[in-house]
Amino acid sequence: MPDTRNRVEVMHGVNLDQLGRRAAEHYGDLTFTQLEVAISAAADELGLITRFFQTNHEGEFVEHLHGLDGLADAVLLNPGAWTHYSYAIRDALELAALPAVEVHLSDVEAREEFRRHSVLSDLCVGRVAGKGPDGYREALTRLGEELGDG
């Protein structure tokens, strides 16, 4: 078995499955399925293998992070609103001990004050916000660099 570290778990949180119904000025007009297809294509180009997970239940998100040992080499996560207050997800991300990049479709810095704070960012090797679907490619590139150094 090759000693390649290239498995990226893509984790989407609360309300991300509603893309296409959410405010296009913040989230664009792609559906959730179209977003995952675009992420998968970008990962393929970068030589990364992606696996996807989405839930609207915080405990399931935490449990999924707990179960990544041996299944993923890195995490690309968009926890949605949980980014701003979920210390349970923060603790689970810390336990996962994997390189992670936090991604947001919208420009959280230009939105409501509460969206400007992340309880996760100091555990991540990068944070990308406000670049729409292209932000995922940037995040994957960053994770590829991180994994290449391993």
N, C-alpha and C. Protein backbone atom coordinates (compact mmCIF):
# COMPACT_ATOMS: atom_id res chain seq x y z
N MET A 1 0.85 -1.19 0.00
CA MET A 1 0.00 0.00 0.00
C MET A 1 0.88 1.24 0.00
N PRO A 2 0.62 2.21 -0.89
CA PRO A 2 1.47 3.39 -0.97
C PRO A 2 1.37 4.22 0.32
N ASP A 3 2.44 4.94 0.59
CA ASP A 3 2.50 5.78 1.78
C ASP A 3 2.02 7.20 1.45
N THR A 4 0.93 7.28 0.69
CA THR A 4 0.40 8.57 0.27
C THR A 4 -0.67 9.02 1.26
N ARG A 5 -0.51 10.26 1.68
CA ARG A 5 -1.53 10.86 2.55
C ARG A 5 -2.34 11.81 1.68
N ASN A 6 -3.51 11.37 1.24
CA ASN A 6 -4.29 12.20 0.34
C ASN A 6 -5.79 12.08 0.54
N ARG A 7 -6.21 11.53 1.67
CA ARG A 7 -7.64 11.33 1.93
C ARG A 7 -8.19 12.53 2.72
N VAL A 8 -9.12 13.23 2.10
CA VAL A 8 -9.69 14.42 2.72
C VAL A 8 -11.18 14.19 2.99
N GLU A 9 -11.54 14.35 4.25
CA GLU A 9 -12.94 14.26 4.65
C GLU A 9 -13.54 15.66 4.50
N VAL A 10 -14.58 15.78 3.69
CA VAL A 10 -15.27 17.06 3.49
C VAL A 10 -16.54 17.01 4.32
N MET A 11 -16.60 17.88 5.33
CA MET A 11 -17.71 17.85 6.27
C MET A 11 -18.51 19.14 6.19
N HIS A 12 -19.78 18.99 5.90
CA HIS A 12 -20.70 20.12 5.83
C HIS A 12 -21.69 20.04 6.97
N GLY A 13 -21.92 21.18 7.59
CA GLY A 13 -22.80 21.23 8.74
C GLY A 13 -24.18 21.76 8.42
N VAL A 14 -24.74 22.34 9.44
CA VAL A 14 -26.13 22.76 9.48
C VAL A 14 -26.51 23.68 8.31
N ASN A 15 -27.59 23.32 7.65
CA ASN A 15 -28.22 24.07 6.56
C ASN A 15 -27.48 24.06 5.23
N LEU A 16 -26.32 23.43 5.17
CA LEU A 16 -25.60 23.40 3.89
C LEU A 16 -26.35 22.57 2.86
N ASP A 17 -27.12 21.59 3.32
CA ASP A 17 -27.89 20.78 2.38
C ASP A 17 -29.01 21.58 1.72
N GLN A 18 -29.22 22.80 2.17
CA GLN A 18 -30.28 23.65 1.62
C GLN A 18 -29.75 24.65 0.59
N LEU A 19 -28.50 24.48 0.15
CA LEU A 19 -27.98 25.36 -0.91
C LEU A 19 -28.90 25.26 -2.12
N GLY A 20 -29.06 26.37 -2.79
CA GLY A 20 -30.02 26.45 -3.88
C GLY A 20 -31.33 27.06 -3.41
N ARG A 21 -31.58 26.95 -2.12
CA ARG A 21 -32.77 27.57 -1.49
C ARG A 21 -32.36 28.77 -0.64
N ARG A 22 -31.09 28.84 -0.28
CA ARG A 22 -30.62 29.89 0.62
C ARG A 22 -30.32 31.16 -0.17
N ALA A 23 -30.10 32.25 0.51
CA ALA A 23 -29.89 33.56 -0.13
C ALA A 23 -28.72 33.52 -1.10
N ALA A 24 -29.02 33.68 -2.38
CA ALA A 24 -27.99 33.59 -3.42
C ALA A 24 -26.91 34.65 -3.26
N GLU A 25 -27.27 35.82 -2.70
CA GLU A 25 -26.25 36.87 -2.55
C GLU A 25 -25.15 36.47 -1.56
N HIS A 26 -25.44 35.54 -0.68
CA HIS A 26 -24.43 35.05 0.27
C HIS A 26 -23.84 33.71 -0.16
N TYR A 27 -24.68 32.82 -0.70
CA TYR A 27 -24.27 31.44 -0.90
C TYR A 27 -24.18 31.00 -2.36
N GLY A 28 -24.51 31.89 -3.29
CA GLY A 28 -24.49 31.53 -4.69
C GLY A 28 -25.72 30.73 -5.07
N ASP A 29 -25.73 30.24 -6.29
CA ASP A 29 -26.92 29.54 -6.76
C ASP A 29 -26.70 28.05 -7.00
N LEU A 30 -25.54 27.53 -6.64
CA LEU A 30 -25.30 26.10 -6.77
C LEU A 30 -26.14 25.33 -5.76
N THR A 31 -26.58 24.16 -6.16
CA THR A 31 -27.21 23.26 -5.20
C THR A 31 -26.12 22.54 -4.42
N PHE A 32 -26.49 21.90 -3.35
CA PHE A 32 -25.53 21.15 -2.54
C PHE A 32 -24.87 20.05 -3.37
N THR A 33 -25.65 19.35 -4.17
CA THR A 33 -25.10 18.29 -5.02
C THR A 33 -24.10 18.86 -6.02
N GLN A 34 -24.43 19.99 -6.64
CA GLN A 34 -23.51 20.63 -7.58
C GLN A 34 -22.22 21.06 -6.89
N LEU A 35 -22.33 21.54 -5.65
CA LEU A 35 -21.14 21.93 -4.90
C LEU A 35 -20.25 20.71 -4.65
N GLU A 36 -20.83 19.61 -4.24
CA GLU A 36 -20.02 18.42 -3.97
C GLU A 36 -19.37 17.89 -5.25
N VAL A 37 -20.05 17.96 -6.37
CA VAL A 37 -19.46 17.54 -7.65
C VAL A 37 -18.25 18.42 -7.98
N ALA A 38 -18.40 19.74 -7.78
CA ALA A 38 -17.28 20.67 -8.04
C ALA A 38 -16.11 20.40 -7.11
N ILE A 39 -16.38 20.13 -5.84
CA ILE A 39 -15.32 19.83 -4.88
C ILE A 39 -14.59 18.55 -5.29
N SER A 40 -15.36 17.55 -5.65
CA SER A 40 -14.77 16.27 -6.06
C SER A 40 -13.87 16.44 -7.29
N ALA A 41 -14.32 17.22 -8.25
CA ALA A 41 -13.52 17.45 -9.46
C ALA A 41 -12.22 18.19 -9.13
N ALA A 42 -12.31 19.18 -8.27
CA ALA A 42 -11.11 19.93 -7.86
C ALA A 42 -10.14 19.01 -7.12
N ALA A 43 -10.67 18.17 -6.25
CA ALA A 43 -9.82 17.24 -5.51
C ALA A 43 -9.12 16.27 -6.46
N ASP A 44 -9.86 15.75 -7.43
CA ASP A 44 -9.27 14.84 -8.42
C ASP A 44 -8.10 15.49 -9.12
N GLU A 45 -8.26 16.74 -9.52
CA GLU A 45 -7.18 17.47 -10.20
C GLU A 45 -5.96 17.63 -9.32
N LEU A 46 -6.17 17.68 -8.01
CA LEU A 46 -5.07 17.87 -7.05
C LEU A 46 -4.54 16.54 -6.52
N GLY A 47 -5.08 15.43 -6.99
CA GLY A 47 -4.62 14.12 -6.54
C GLY A 47 -5.11 13.76 -5.14
N LEU A 48 -6.22 14.34 -4.75
CA LEU A 48 -6.79 14.07 -3.43
C LEU A 48 -8.05 13.21 -3.57
N ILE A 49 -8.27 12.38 -2.59
CA ILE A 49 -9.45 11.53 -2.54
C ILE A 49 -10.39 12.12 -1.51
N THR A 50 -11.63 12.42 -1.91
CA THR A 50 -12.58 13.02 -0.98
C THR A 50 -13.67 12.04 -0.60
N ARG A 51 -14.14 12.24 0.60
CA ARG A 51 -15.31 11.56 1.11
C ARG A 51 -16.16 12.66 1.72
N PHE A 52 -17.48 12.57 1.57
CA PHE A 52 -18.36 13.66 1.98
C PHE A 52 -19.27 13.24 3.12
N PHE A 53 -19.57 14.22 3.96
CA PHE A 53 -20.49 14.03 5.08
C PHE A 53 -21.24 15.34 5.30
N GLN A 54 -22.55 15.25 5.54
CA GLN A 54 -23.35 16.42 5.87
C GLN A 54 -24.39 16.02 6.89
N THR A 55 -24.59 16.90 7.87
CA THR A 55 -25.64 16.68 8.85
C THR A 55 -26.15 18.02 9.37
N ASN A 56 -27.39 18.00 9.82
CA ASN A 56 -27.97 19.16 10.49
C ASN A 56 -28.03 18.92 12.00
N HIS A 57 -27.33 17.89 12.46
CA HIS A 57 -27.35 17.52 13.87
C HIS A 57 -25.93 17.62 14.44
N GLU A 58 -25.75 18.52 15.37
CA GLU A 58 -24.42 18.80 15.93
C GLU A 58 -23.76 17.55 16.50
N GLY A 59 -24.50 16.73 17.22
CA GLY A 59 -23.94 15.52 17.79
C GLY A 59 -23.43 14.56 16.73
N GLU A 60 -24.13 14.45 15.61
CA GLU A 60 -23.66 13.60 14.51
C GLU A 60 -22.36 14.14 13.93
N PHE A 61 -22.24 15.47 13.83
CA PHE A 61 -21.01 16.08 13.33
C PHE A 61 -19.85 15.72 14.26
N VAL A 62 -20.09 15.83 15.56
CA VAL A 62 -19.07 15.49 16.56
C VAL A 62 -18.69 14.02 16.45
N GLU A 63 -19.69 13.14 16.39
CA GLU A 63 -19.42 11.70 16.30
C GLU A 63 -18.63 11.37 15.03
N HIS A 64 -18.94 12.05 13.94
CA HIS A 64 -18.23 11.79 12.69
C HIS A 64 -16.76 12.18 12.84
N LEU A 65 -16.50 13.32 13.45
CA LEU A 65 -15.11 13.71 13.70
C LEU A 65 -14.41 12.66 14.56
N HIS A 66 -15.08 12.13 15.57
CA HIS A 66 -14.51 11.10 16.43
C HIS A 66 -14.12 9.86 15.64
N GLY A 67 -14.84 9.56 14.59
CA GLY A 67 -14.61 8.33 13.83
C GLY A 67 -13.63 8.44 12.68
N LEU A 68 -12.95 9.55 12.53
CA LEU A 68 -12.07 9.73 11.37
C LEU A 68 -10.71 9.06 11.49
N ASP A 69 -10.34 8.63 12.66
CA ASP A 69 -9.04 8.01 12.86
C ASP A 69 -8.87 6.82 11.91
N GLY A 70 -7.85 6.88 11.09
CA GLY A 70 -7.57 5.82 10.13
C GLY A 70 -8.35 5.92 8.83
N LEU A 71 -9.30 6.85 8.75
CA LEU A 71 -10.12 6.99 7.55
C LEU A 71 -9.79 8.22 6.72
N ALA A 72 -9.17 9.22 7.34
CA ALA A 72 -8.88 10.47 6.66
C ALA A 72 -7.52 10.98 7.10
N ASP A 73 -6.90 11.73 6.20
CA ASP A 73 -5.61 12.35 6.50
C ASP A 73 -5.75 13.84 6.78
N ALA A 74 -6.90 14.40 6.42
CA ALA A 74 -7.15 15.83 6.62
C ALA A 74 -8.66 16.05 6.57
N VAL A 75 -9.06 17.23 7.05
CA VAL A 75 -10.48 17.58 7.09
C VAL A 75 -10.68 18.96 6.48
N LEU A 76 -11.64 19.05 5.57
CA LEU A 76 -12.11 20.33 5.05
C LEU A 76 -13.51 20.48 5.63
N LEU A 77 -13.73 21.51 6.44
CA LEU A 77 -15.03 21.60 7.10
C LEU A 77 -15.68 22.95 6.95
N ASN A 78 -16.98 22.89 6.71
CA ASN A 78 -17.85 24.05 6.73
C ASN A 78 -18.97 23.71 7.70
N PRO A 79 -18.77 24.02 8.99
CA PRO A 79 -19.79 23.68 9.97
C PRO A 79 -21.00 24.60 9.96
N GLY A 80 -21.01 25.60 9.08
CA GLY A 80 -22.12 26.54 9.08
C GLY A 80 -22.12 27.34 10.37
N ALA A 81 -23.30 27.60 10.90
CA ALA A 81 -23.44 28.43 12.10
C ALA A 81 -22.71 27.85 13.32
N TRP A 82 -22.49 26.55 13.36
CA TRP A 82 -21.78 25.95 14.50
C TRP A 82 -20.37 26.53 14.64
N THR A 83 -19.81 27.04 13.55
CA THR A 83 -18.48 27.64 13.56
C THR A 83 -18.34 28.66 14.68
N HIS A 84 -19.41 29.35 14.94
CA HIS A 84 -19.35 30.53 15.80
C HIS A 84 -19.54 30.24 17.28
N TYR A 85 -19.97 29.02 17.61
CA TYR A 85 -20.25 28.78 19.04
C TYR A 85 -20.09 27.35 19.51
N SER A 86 -19.84 26.39 18.64
CA SER A 86 -19.85 24.99 19.08
C SER A 86 -18.49 24.56 19.63
N TYR A 87 -18.39 24.61 20.94
CA TYR A 87 -17.18 24.12 21.59
C TYR A 87 -17.13 22.60 21.56
N ALA A 88 -18.27 21.94 21.40
CA ALA A 88 -18.28 20.49 21.25
C ALA A 88 -17.59 20.09 19.94
N ILE A 89 -17.89 20.80 18.86
CA ILE A 89 -17.21 20.53 17.59
C ILE A 89 -15.74 20.90 17.69
N ARG A 90 -15.44 22.00 18.35
CA ARG A 90 -14.04 22.38 18.55
C ARG A 90 -13.27 21.26 19.25
N ASP A 91 -13.83 20.74 20.35
CA ASP A 91 -13.15 19.67 21.09
C ASP A 91 -12.99 18.42 20.24
N ALA A 92 -14.00 18.08 19.45
CA ALA A 92 -13.92 16.90 18.58
C ALA A 92 -12.88 17.10 17.48
N LEU A 93 -12.79 18.31 16.94
CA LEU A 93 -11.77 18.60 15.93
C LEU A 93 -10.38 18.48 16.54
N GLU A 94 -10.22 18.96 17.75
CA GLU A 94 -8.93 18.84 18.43
C GLU A 94 -8.59 17.37 18.66
N LEU A 95 -9.56 16.56 19.06
CA LEU A 95 -9.34 15.12 19.26
C LEU A 95 -8.98 14.42 17.95
N ALA A 96 -9.59 14.85 16.86
CA ALA A 96 -9.30 14.24 15.55
C ALA A 96 -7.83 14.41 15.18
N ALA A 97 -7.24 15.51 15.61
CA ALA A 97 -5.80 15.77 15.42
C ALA A 97 -5.36 15.63 13.96
N LEU A 98 -6.18 16.15 13.05
CA LEU A 98 -5.87 16.12 11.63
C LEU A 98 -5.73 17.55 11.12
N PRO A 99 -4.90 17.76 10.10
CA PRO A 99 -4.87 19.08 9.49
C PRO A 99 -6.27 19.42 8.98
N ALA A 100 -6.71 20.64 9.25
CA ALA A 100 -8.06 21.05 8.87
C ALA A 100 -8.05 22.44 8.28
N VAL A 101 -8.94 22.67 7.33
CA VAL A 101 -9.20 24.01 6.80
C VAL A 101 -10.68 24.27 6.95
N GLU A 102 -10.99 25.44 7.50
CA GLU A 102 -12.37 25.90 7.67
C GLU A 102 -12.75 26.69 6.43
N VAL A 103 -13.92 26.40 5.87
CA VAL A 103 -14.38 27.06 4.64
C VAL A 103 -15.78 27.62 4.85
N HIS A 104 -16.01 28.80 4.28
CA HIS A 104 -17.34 29.41 4.25
C HIS A 104 -17.59 29.97 2.87
N LEU A 105 -18.73 29.66 2.31
CA LEU A 105 -19.09 30.19 0.99
C LEU A 105 -19.21 31.71 1.03
N SER A 106 -19.82 32.23 2.08
CA SER A 106 -20.06 33.67 2.17
C SER A 106 -18.88 34.37 2.84
N ASP A 107 -18.85 35.67 2.69
CA ASP A 107 -17.83 36.50 3.34
C ASP A 107 -18.29 36.79 4.75
N VAL A 108 -17.96 35.90 5.66
CA VAL A 108 -18.44 36.03 7.03
C VAL A 108 -17.94 37.30 7.71
N GLU A 109 -16.83 37.82 7.26
CA GLU A 109 -16.28 39.06 7.84
C GLU A 109 -17.12 40.29 7.48
N ALA A 110 -17.89 40.19 6.42
CA ALA A 110 -18.71 41.32 5.98
C ALA A 110 -20.18 41.17 6.37
N ARG A 111 -20.47 40.16 7.16
CA ARG A 111 -21.85 39.90 7.55
C ARG A 111 -22.08 40.29 9.00
N GLU A 112 -23.07 39.71 9.63
CA GLU A 112 -23.40 40.04 11.01
C GLU A 112 -22.19 39.81 11.92
N GLU A 113 -22.15 40.59 13.00
CA GLU A 113 -21.03 40.54 13.94
C GLU A 113 -20.78 39.12 14.46
N PHE A 114 -21.83 38.38 14.79
CA PHE A 114 -21.64 37.05 15.37
C PHE A 114 -20.94 36.09 14.41
N ARG A 115 -21.06 36.33 13.09
CA ARG A 115 -20.44 35.44 12.11
C ARG A 115 -18.93 35.67 11.97
N ARG A 116 -18.44 36.72 12.53
CA ARG A 116 -17.02 37.07 12.38
C ARG A 116 -16.12 36.29 13.33
N HIS A 117 -16.72 35.63 14.30
CA HIS A 117 -15.95 34.88 15.29
C HIS A 117 -16.04 33.38 14.99
N SER A 118 -14.88 32.73 15.01
CA SER A 118 -14.83 31.28 14.85
C SER A 118 -14.17 30.67 16.08
N VAL A 119 -14.82 29.68 16.65
CA VAL A 119 -14.21 28.97 17.77
C VAL A 119 -13.31 27.84 17.27
N LEU A 120 -13.21 27.68 15.95
CA LEU A 120 -12.44 26.59 15.36
C LEU A 120 -11.13 27.04 14.71
N SER A 121 -11.06 28.29 14.30
CA SER A 121 -9.98 28.72 13.41
C SER A 121 -8.57 28.49 13.96
N ASP A 122 -8.39 28.59 15.27
CA ASP A 122 -7.04 28.39 15.78
C ASP A 122 -6.61 26.93 15.76
N LEU A 123 -7.52 26.01 15.49
CA LEU A 123 -7.18 24.60 15.33
C LEU A 123 -6.93 24.24 13.87
N CYS A 124 -7.16 25.19 12.97
CA CYS A 124 -7.08 24.93 11.53
C CYS A 124 -5.78 25.49 10.95
N VAL A 125 -5.31 24.85 9.88
CA VAL A 125 -4.12 25.34 9.18
C VAL A 125 -4.48 26.45 8.20
N GLY A 126 -5.77 26.66 7.99
CA GLY A 126 -6.22 27.72 7.10
C GLY A 126 -7.71 27.97 7.24
N ARG A 127 -8.11 29.14 6.75
CA ARG A 127 -9.53 29.52 6.75
C ARG A 127 -9.79 30.27 5.45
N VAL A 128 -10.83 29.87 4.72
CA VAL A 128 -11.18 30.50 3.46
C VAL A 128 -12.65 30.91 3.55
N ALA A 129 -12.92 32.18 3.26
CA ALA A 129 -14.29 32.66 3.34
C ALA A 129 -14.55 33.67 2.23
N GLY A 130 -15.78 33.67 1.74
CA GLY A 130 -16.21 34.67 0.78
C GLY A 130 -15.81 34.42 -0.65
N LYS A 131 -15.36 33.23 -0.97
CA LYS A 131 -14.93 32.93 -2.34
C LYS A 131 -15.86 31.95 -3.02
N GLY A 132 -17.01 31.72 -2.42
CA GLY A 132 -17.97 30.80 -3.01
C GLY A 132 -17.37 29.42 -3.18
N PRO A 133 -17.82 28.70 -4.21
CA PRO A 133 -17.31 27.34 -4.44
C PRO A 133 -15.80 27.30 -4.68
N ASP A 134 -15.23 28.38 -5.24
CA ASP A 134 -13.78 28.43 -5.48
C ASP A 134 -12.99 28.35 -4.18
N GLY A 135 -13.61 28.74 -3.08
CA GLY A 135 -12.93 28.65 -1.79
C GLY A 135 -12.60 27.21 -1.42
N TYR A 136 -13.40 26.28 -1.88
CA TYR A 136 -13.13 24.87 -1.59
C TYR A 136 -11.87 24.41 -2.31
N ARG A 137 -11.68 24.87 -3.55
CA ARG A 137 -10.45 24.52 -4.27
C ARG A 137 -9.23 25.07 -3.52
N GLU A 138 -9.34 26.31 -3.06
CA GLU A 138 -8.24 26.91 -2.30
C GLU A 138 -7.96 26.10 -1.03
N ALA A 139 -9.01 25.69 -0.35
CA ALA A 139 -8.86 24.89 0.86
C ALA A 139 -8.21 23.53 0.56
N LEU A 140 -8.65 22.90 -0.52
CA LEU A 140 -8.06 21.62 -0.91
C LEU A 140 -6.58 21.78 -1.26
N THR A 141 -6.26 22.86 -1.94
CA THR A 141 -4.86 23.13 -2.28
C THR A 141 -4.02 23.25 -1.01
N ARG A 142 -4.55 24.00 -0.03
CA ARG A 142 -3.84 24.17 1.23
C ARG A 142 -3.66 22.84 1.94
N LEU A 143 -4.69 22.00 1.96
CA LEU A 143 -4.57 20.70 2.60
C LEU A 143 -3.58 19.80 1.84
N GLY A 144 -3.58 19.89 0.52
CA GLY A 144 -2.61 19.12 -0.27
C GLY A 144 -1.19 19.50 0.08
N GLU A 145 -0.95 20.79 0.26
CA GLU A 145 0.38 21.27 0.68
C GLU A 145 0.73 20.72 2.05
N GLU A 146 -0.22 20.78 2.95
CA GLU A 146 0.00 20.29 4.33
C GLU A 146 0.31 18.79 4.32
N LEU A 147 -0.44 18.02 3.55
CA LEU A 147 -0.24 16.58 3.49
C LEU A 147 1.07 16.23 2.78
N GLY A 148 1.46 17.04 1.82
CA GLY A 148 2.72 16.80 1.11
C GLY A 148 3.93 16.98 2.01
N ASP A 149 3.77 17.77 3.05
CA ASP A 149 4.87 18.00 4.00
C ASP A 149 5.00 16.87 5.01
N GLY A 150 3.98 16.00 5.04
CA GLY A 150 3.97 14.92 6.04
C GLY A 150 4.81 13.80 5.61
